[in-house]
């Protein structure tokens, strides 16, 4: 069985059969580093197409008031 790697530092997330409390991270430090990256907006979840209301070239889309 392959040991999962910590997403922050790449070290093995756990050794043996016991999983650490901050799984999938190897330590609480790596967990906090990851949280900081989310809070600094280094990671983002895409929200879909642009909601600005424009067509492909920036002109109003069909059916929209100009």
Protein backbone atom coordinates (compact mmCIF):
# COMPACT_ATOMS: atom_id res chain seq x y z
CA UNK A 1 0.00 0.00 0.00
CA UNK A 2 1.30 3.45 -0.90
CA UNK A 3 1.52 6.05 1.85
CA UNK A 4 -0.26 9.27 0.84
CA UNK A 5 1.94 12.35 0.57
CA UNK A 6 1.28 15.56 2.47
CA UNK A 7 -0.17 18.08 -0.04
CA UNK A 8 1.90 20.91 1.48
CA UNK A 9 5.42 19.50 1.83
CA UNK A 10 5.28 16.13 0.05
CA UNK A 11 6.48 14.04 3.01
CA UNK A 12 4.56 10.87 3.89
CA UNK A 13 1.32 11.88 5.61
CA UNK A 14 1.66 9.07 8.14
CA UNK A 15 3.81 6.09 8.99
CA UNK A 16 2.49 2.73 10.06
CA UNK A 17 -1.21 2.27 10.61
CA UNK A 18 -2.00 5.35 12.71
CA UNK A 19 -3.23 8.41 10.84
CA UNK A 20 -2.26 11.79 12.30
CA UNK A 21 -4.99 14.11 13.54
CA UNK A 22 -4.48 16.66 10.74
CA UNK A 23 -4.83 14.04 7.94
CA UNK A 24 -4.14 14.38 4.95
CA UNK A 25 -1.36 16.66 6.21
CA UNK A 26 1.73 15.31 7.99
CA UNK A 27 1.57 17.91 10.78
CA UNK A 28 -0.48 20.76 12.19
CA UNK A 29 2.07 23.17 10.70
CA UNK A 30 1.41 21.94 7.16
CA UNK A 31 -2.32 22.16 7.82
CA UNK A 32 -1.95 25.83 8.86
CA UNK A 33 0.26 26.61 5.84
CA UNK A 34 -2.48 25.22 3.58
CA UNK A 35 -5.16 27.25 5.39
CA UNK A 36 -3.04 30.39 4.96
CA UNK A 37 -2.80 29.76 1.22
CA UNK A 38 -6.59 29.53 0.97
CA UNK A 39 -7.04 32.70 3.04
CA UNK A 40 -4.49 34.56 0.89
CA UNK A 41 -6.51 33.41 -2.15
CA UNK A 42 -3.61 31.47 -3.66
CA UNK A 43 -6.14 28.65 -4.19
CA UNK A 44 -9.55 29.31 -5.67
CA UNK A 45 -12.55 27.27 -6.68
CA UNK A 46 -13.70 28.30 -10.17
CA UNK A 47 -17.16 29.86 -10.14
CA UNK A 48 -18.06 29.05 -13.73
CA UNK A 49 -18.44 31.36 -16.69
CA UNK A 50 -17.86 35.08 -16.32
CA UNK A 51 -20.99 36.68 -14.86
CA UNK A 52 -20.26 40.18 -16.24
CA UNK A 53 -23.22 40.00 -18.63
CA UNK A 54 -21.33 40.60 -21.84
CA UNK A 55 -21.24 38.54 -24.99
CA UNK A 56 -18.10 37.03 -26.46
CA UNK A 57 -16.70 40.38 -27.60
CA UNK A 58 -18.00 42.37 -24.63
CA UNK A 59 -21.17 43.46 -26.43
CA UNK A 60 -24.49 42.77 -24.73
CA UNK A 61 -25.69 39.23 -25.33
CA UNK A 62 -28.88 38.62 -27.31
CA UNK A 63 -31.92 39.64 -25.29
CA UNK A 64 -29.99 41.98 -22.96
CA UNK A 65 -30.60 45.72 -22.81
CA UNK A 66 -27.68 47.83 -23.97
